Amino acid sequence: MQRLYDIITPMSAALGLFRLQQIDSQMDQARARLETIRQIIENDAELRAATEGASAAESAHVEAERAQRQAEAEVQSQRIKIEQAESSLYGGMVHNPKELQDLQHDAASLKKYLATLEDRLLESMLATEAAAASLAEARAAYSQMESRLGDQTRDLTAERARLAHNLERLEAERKAAASPVDAKLLGQYESLRRERRGIAVAAVSDGACAACGASLTPGHQQTARSSAQIARCPTCGRILFAD
């Protein structure tokens, strides 16, 4: 079966890239606004301190949980070793007194080290509890700090949530818009986006490239409307789209 992008005409490919450009531009604007909001909010010294405190507490809690899981795994592994040693010791398969004595010694050593591991596990559990309490305190401090801020920050926080939600929606739309585009053409588009400040596809508007403003000859305009090839602006190199 012929692949979808093999039967897409350059005209429809240009349309697909133009739609992709529209989505990417919306995403760029949303990300830029999110960065502006972040800078405005973080310029508040008290809020920044509360944010850093909550972040540090969260990292400490994650690390404490990781250490506890590791300690639990070590205890479980040691218990399995003890079970195996006692199975060999009491299973009736070993009759040599020297071997039995060695097995008894091994089992005793394993149990002794198990006690050490269990002590470490207890310490890690206590550390996790303490980290969880610190995290709760830090989050409460952040919430209290945030509640003391004015309407501007509350509005910005709400806007940030809306923008984050919109970005998730746009990500899904972008994936759908990019899927039928030829991989090579998509790579050229991404390269142009990096080179041309995020704008890889420009519409033809009043006989000119809408991105750089350069006038287009009738021949270039006709090429942009043609289904025979992908048109490029002769001045800025962007892909042209004419409806």
Protein backbone atom coordinates (compact mmCIF):
# COMPACT_ATOMS: atom_id res chain seq x y z
CA MET A 1 0.00 0.00 0.00
CA GLN A 2 1.33 3.45 -0.90
CA ARG A 3 2.21 5.56 2.12
CA LEU A 4 -0.02 8.54 2.83
CA TYR A 5 2.67 11.16 2.30
CA ASP A 6 3.54 9.59 -1.08
CA ILE A 7 0.15 10.63 -2.43
CA ILE A 8 -0.01 14.06 -0.73
CA THR A 9 0.47 16.82 -3.32
CA PRO A 10 2.91 19.66 -2.58
CA MET A 11 -0.08 21.96 -2.33
CA SER A 12 -1.68 19.81 0.37
CA ALA A 13 1.71 19.39 2.01
CA ALA A 14 2.10 23.17 2.14
CA LEU A 15 -1.38 23.41 3.65
CA GLY A 16 -0.46 20.76 6.23
CA LEU A 17 2.73 22.62 7.13
CA PHE A 18 0.83 25.90 7.31
CA ARG A 19 -1.61 24.36 9.78
CA LEU A 20 1.31 22.92 11.71
CA GLN A 21 2.90 26.38 11.75
CA GLN A 22 -0.29 27.88 13.14
CA ILE A 23 -0.32 25.35 15.95
CA ASP A 24 3.39 25.82 16.68
CA SER A 25 2.97 29.59 16.76
CA GLN A 26 0.16 29.25 19.30
CA MET A 27 2.36 26.95 21.37
CA ASP A 28 5.28 29.38 21.15
CA GLN A 29 3.05 32.22 22.33
CA ALA A 30 1.71 30.13 25.20
CA ARG A 31 5.21 29.11 26.29
CA ALA A 32 6.46 32.68 26.06
CA ARG A 33 3.55 33.86 28.20
CA LEU A 34 4.18 31.09 30.70
CA GLU A 35 7.80 32.20 30.97
CA THR A 36 6.68 35.80 31.52
CA ILE A 37 4.29 34.67 34.23
CA ARG A 38 7.03 32.61 35.84
CA GLN A 39 9.35 35.62 35.94
CA ILE A 40 6.67 37.90 37.37
CA ILE A 41 5.75 35.44 40.09
CA GLU A 42 9.32 34.48 40.94
CA ASN A 43 10.36 38.12 41.23
CA ASP A 44 8.56 38.12 44.54
CA ALA A 45 11.36 37.31 46.99
CA GLU A 46 9.11 35.80 49.64
CA LEU A 47 7.26 33.63 47.19
CA ARG A 48 10.54 32.59 45.60
CA ALA A 49 11.86 31.51 48.98
CA ALA A 50 8.67 29.57 49.68
CA THR A 51 8.83 27.97 46.24
CA GLU A 52 12.46 26.97 46.71
CA GLY A 53 11.67 25.59 50.15
CA ALA A 54 8.82 23.47 48.80
CA SER A 55 10.98 22.24 45.93
CA ALA A 56 13.83 21.31 48.26
CA ALA A 57 11.45 19.54 50.62
CA GLU A 58 9.92 17.60 47.75
CA SER A 59 13.36 16.52 46.53
CA ALA A 60 14.31 15.43 50.04
CA HIS A 61 11.10 13.44 50.35
CA VAL A 62 11.68 11.71 47.02
CA GLU A 63 15.21 10.79 48.07
CA ALA A 64 14.01 9.52 51.45
CA GLU A 65 11.41 7.32 49.78
CA ARG A 66 14.06 5.99 47.40
CA ALA A 67 16.36 5.15 50.30
CA GLN A 68 13.49 3.42 52.13
CA ARG A 69 12.64 1.30 49.09
CA GLN A 70 16.27 0.30 48.77
CA ALA A 71 16.43 -0.61 52.46
CA GLU A 72 13.24 -2.67 52.14
CA ALA A 73 14.68 -4.52 49.17
CA GLU A 74 17.89 -5.28 51.06
CA VAL A 75 15.95 -6.63 54.04
CA GLN A 76 13.80 -8.80 51.79
CA SER A 77 16.88 -10.11 49.97
CA GLN A 78 18.56 -10.96 53.29
CA ARG A 79 15.48 -12.80 54.54
CA ILE A 80 15.48 -14.90 51.38
CA LYS A 81 19.13 -15.75 51.96
CA ILE A 82 18.31 -16.82 55.52
CA GLU A 83 15.45 -19.00 54.32
CA GLN A 84 17.74 -20.66 51.82
CA ALA A 85 20.45 -21.24 54.43
CA GLU A 86 17.98 -22.71 56.93
CA SER A 87 16.47 -24.88 54.23
CA SER A 88 19.90 -26.36 53.57
CA LEU A 89 20.55 -26.66 57.29
CA TYR A 90 17.30 -28.39 58.26
CA GLY A 91 16.39 -30.03 54.99
CA GLY A 92 18.17 -33.27 55.84
CA MET A 93 20.35 -33.17 52.76
CA VAL A 94 23.55 -32.32 54.66
CA HIS A 95 24.92 -34.84 57.15
CA ASN A 96 28.57 -33.93 57.42
CA PRO A 97 29.12 -32.32 60.88
CA LYS A 98 31.61 -29.80 59.47
CA GLU A 99 29.22 -28.74 56.72
CA LEU A 100 26.38 -28.50 59.23
CA GLN A 101 28.54 -26.35 61.49
CA ASP A 102 29.41 -24.07 58.56
CA LEU A 103 25.75 -23.76 57.64
CA GLN A 104 24.87 -22.87 61.23
CA HIS A 105 27.58 -20.24 61.22
CA ASP A 106 26.35 -18.83 57.91
CA ALA A 107 22.76 -18.68 59.13
CA ALA A 108 23.82 -16.92 62.31
CA SER A 109 25.87 -14.39 60.35
CA LEU A 110 23.01 -13.76 57.97
CA LYS A 111 20.60 -13.17 60.86
CA LYS A 112 23.04 -10.83 62.56
CA TYR A 113 23.39 -8.78 59.39
CA LEU A 114 19.59 -8.87 58.96
CA ALA A 115 19.29 -7.09 62.29
CA THR A 116 21.63 -4.39 60.99
CA LEU A 117 19.59 -4.04 57.80
CA GLU A 118 16.34 -3.86 59.76
CA ASP A 119 17.83 -1.07 61.89
CA ARG A 120 18.72 0.78 58.70
CA LEU A 121 15.22 0.23 57.37
CA LEU A 122 13.73 1.65 60.55
CA GLU A 123 15.99 4.68 60.27
CA SER A 124 14.99 5.18 56.65
CA MET A 125 11.29 4.90 57.54
CA LEU A 126 11.72 7.53 60.23
CA ALA A 127 13.62 9.72 57.76
CA THR A 128 10.79 9.33 55.24
CA GLU A 129 8.23 10.31 57.86
CA ALA A 130 10.29 13.36 58.79
CA ALA A 131 10.71 14.31 55.13
CA ALA A 132 6.97 13.93 54.55
CA ALA A 133 6.27 16.20 57.52
CA SER A 134 8.77 18.76 56.24
CA LEU A 135 7.19 18.61 52.81
CA ALA A 136 3.72 19.17 54.26
CA GLU A 137 5.04 22.16 56.22
CA ALA A 138 6.77 23.59 53.16
CA ARG A 139 3.66 23.19 51.03
CA ALA A 140 1.55 24.80 53.72
CA ALA A 141 4.01 27.71 53.92
CA TYR A 142 3.84 28.10 50.15
CA SER A 143 0.03 28.04 50.22
CA GLN A 144 -0.05 30.63 52.98
CA MET A 145 2.39 32.81 51.07
CA GLU A 146 0.39 32.46 47.89
CA SER A 147 -2.86 33.33 49.67
CA ARG A 148 -1.29 36.56 50.94
CA LEU A 149 -0.49 37.75 47.45
CA GLY A 150 -2.71 40.14 45.60
CA ASP A 151 -5.21 39.66 42.85
CA GLN A 152 -2.52 39.91 40.17
CA THR A 153 -0.69 36.80 41.23
CA ARG A 154 -3.92 34.87 41.70
CA ASP A 155 -4.98 35.89 38.22
CA LEU A 156 -1.58 34.93 36.83
CA THR A 157 -1.73 31.56 38.55
CA ALA A 158 -5.15 30.90 37.01
CA GLU A 159 -3.88 32.02 33.62
CA ARG A 160 -0.88 29.72 33.97
CA ALA A 161 -3.19 26.77 34.60
CA ARG A 162 -5.28 27.65 31.53
CA LEU A 163 -2.17 27.98 29.39
CA ALA A 164 -0.84 24.64 30.59
CA HIS A 165 -4.18 23.03 29.70
CA ASN A 166 -4.16 24.66 26.27
CA LEU A 167 -0.63 23.44 25.66
CA GLU A 168 -1.73 19.88 26.33
CA ARG A 169 -4.54 20.29 23.78
CA LEU A 170 -2.20 21.87 21.24
CA GLU A 171 0.33 19.06 21.70
CA ALA A 172 -2.35 16.57 20.65
CA GLU A 173 -3.37 18.75 17.70
CA ARG A 174 0.24 19.10 16.63
CA LYS A 175 0.79 15.37 16.70
CA ALA A 176 -2.25 14.86 14.48
CA ALA A 177 -1.18 17.63 12.09
CA ALA A 178 2.40 16.36 11.80
CA SER A 179 1.59 12.68 11.30
CA PRO A 180 0.74 12.83 7.55
CA VAL A 181 3.71 15.06 6.66
CA ASP A 182 6.68 13.47 4.93
CA ALA A 183 9.54 13.01 7.42
CA LYS A 184 12.08 14.77 5.19
CA LEU A 185 9.78 17.74 4.65
CA LEU A 186 9.03 17.83 8.36
CA GLY A 187 12.76 17.94 9.07
CA GLN A 188 13.15 20.90 6.69
CA TYR A 189 10.26 22.60 8.44
CA GLU A 190 11.84 22.11 11.87
CA SER A 191 15.18 23.40 10.56
CA LEU A 192 13.53 26.52 9.17
CA ARG A 193 11.75 27.04 12.48
CA ARG A 194 15.10 27.12 14.25
CA GLU A 195 16.69 29.40 11.65
CA ARG A 196 13.77 31.81 11.20
CA ARG A 197 12.73 32.60 14.77
CA GLY A 198 9.97 30.01 14.84
CA ILE A 199 8.31 30.88 11.51
CA ALA A 200 8.95 28.30 8.81
CA VAL A 201 5.79 28.75 6.72
CA ALA A 202 4.49 32.11 5.56
CA ALA A 203 1.27 32.97 3.82
CA VAL A 204 1.23 34.95 0.61
CA SER A 205 -0.49 38.23 1.46
CA ASP A 206 -1.11 41.02 -1.03
CA GLY A 207 1.57 39.67 -3.31
CA ALA A 208 4.22 39.51 -0.59
CA CYS A 209 5.69 37.09 1.94
CA ALA A 210 3.76 37.70 5.13
CA ALA A 211 6.81 36.82 7.24
CA CYS A 212 9.54 39.03 5.77
CA GLY A 213 7.41 41.42 3.71
CA ALA A 214 9.35 40.83 0.49
CA SER A 215 7.33 41.32 -2.67
CA LEU A 216 6.80 38.19 -4.71
CA THR A 217 6.84 38.09 -8.47
CA PRO A 218 3.76 36.76 -10.22
CA GLY A 219 5.82 33.68 -10.99
CA HIS A 220 6.56 33.04 -7.32
CA GLN A 221 2.92 33.61 -6.43
CA GLN A 222 1.84 31.16 -9.09
CA THR A 223 4.35 28.59 -7.81
CA ALA A 224 2.93 29.02 -4.30
CA ARG A 225 -0.52 28.20 -5.66
CA SER A 226 0.71 25.34 -7.81
CA SER A 227 0.26 21.71 -6.92
CA ALA A 228 3.50 20.81 -8.69
CA GLN A 229 6.11 21.90 -6.13
CA ILE A 230 6.78 23.42 -2.74
CA ALA A 231 7.40 27.16 -3.08
CA ARG A 232 10.00 29.10 -1.10
CA CYS A 233 10.28 32.82 -0.50
CA PRO A 234 13.29 33.96 -2.56
CA THR A 235 14.26 36.43 0.18
CA CYS A 236 13.88 34.62 3.51
CA GLY A 237 13.67 31.01 2.27
CA ARG A 238 10.48 30.20 4.13
CA ILE A 239 7.90 27.83 2.69
CA LEU A 240 5.09 29.77 1.05
CA PHE A 241 1.41 28.97 1.36
CA ALA A 242 -1.26 30.56 -0.79
CA ASP A 243 -4.91 29.68 -0.36
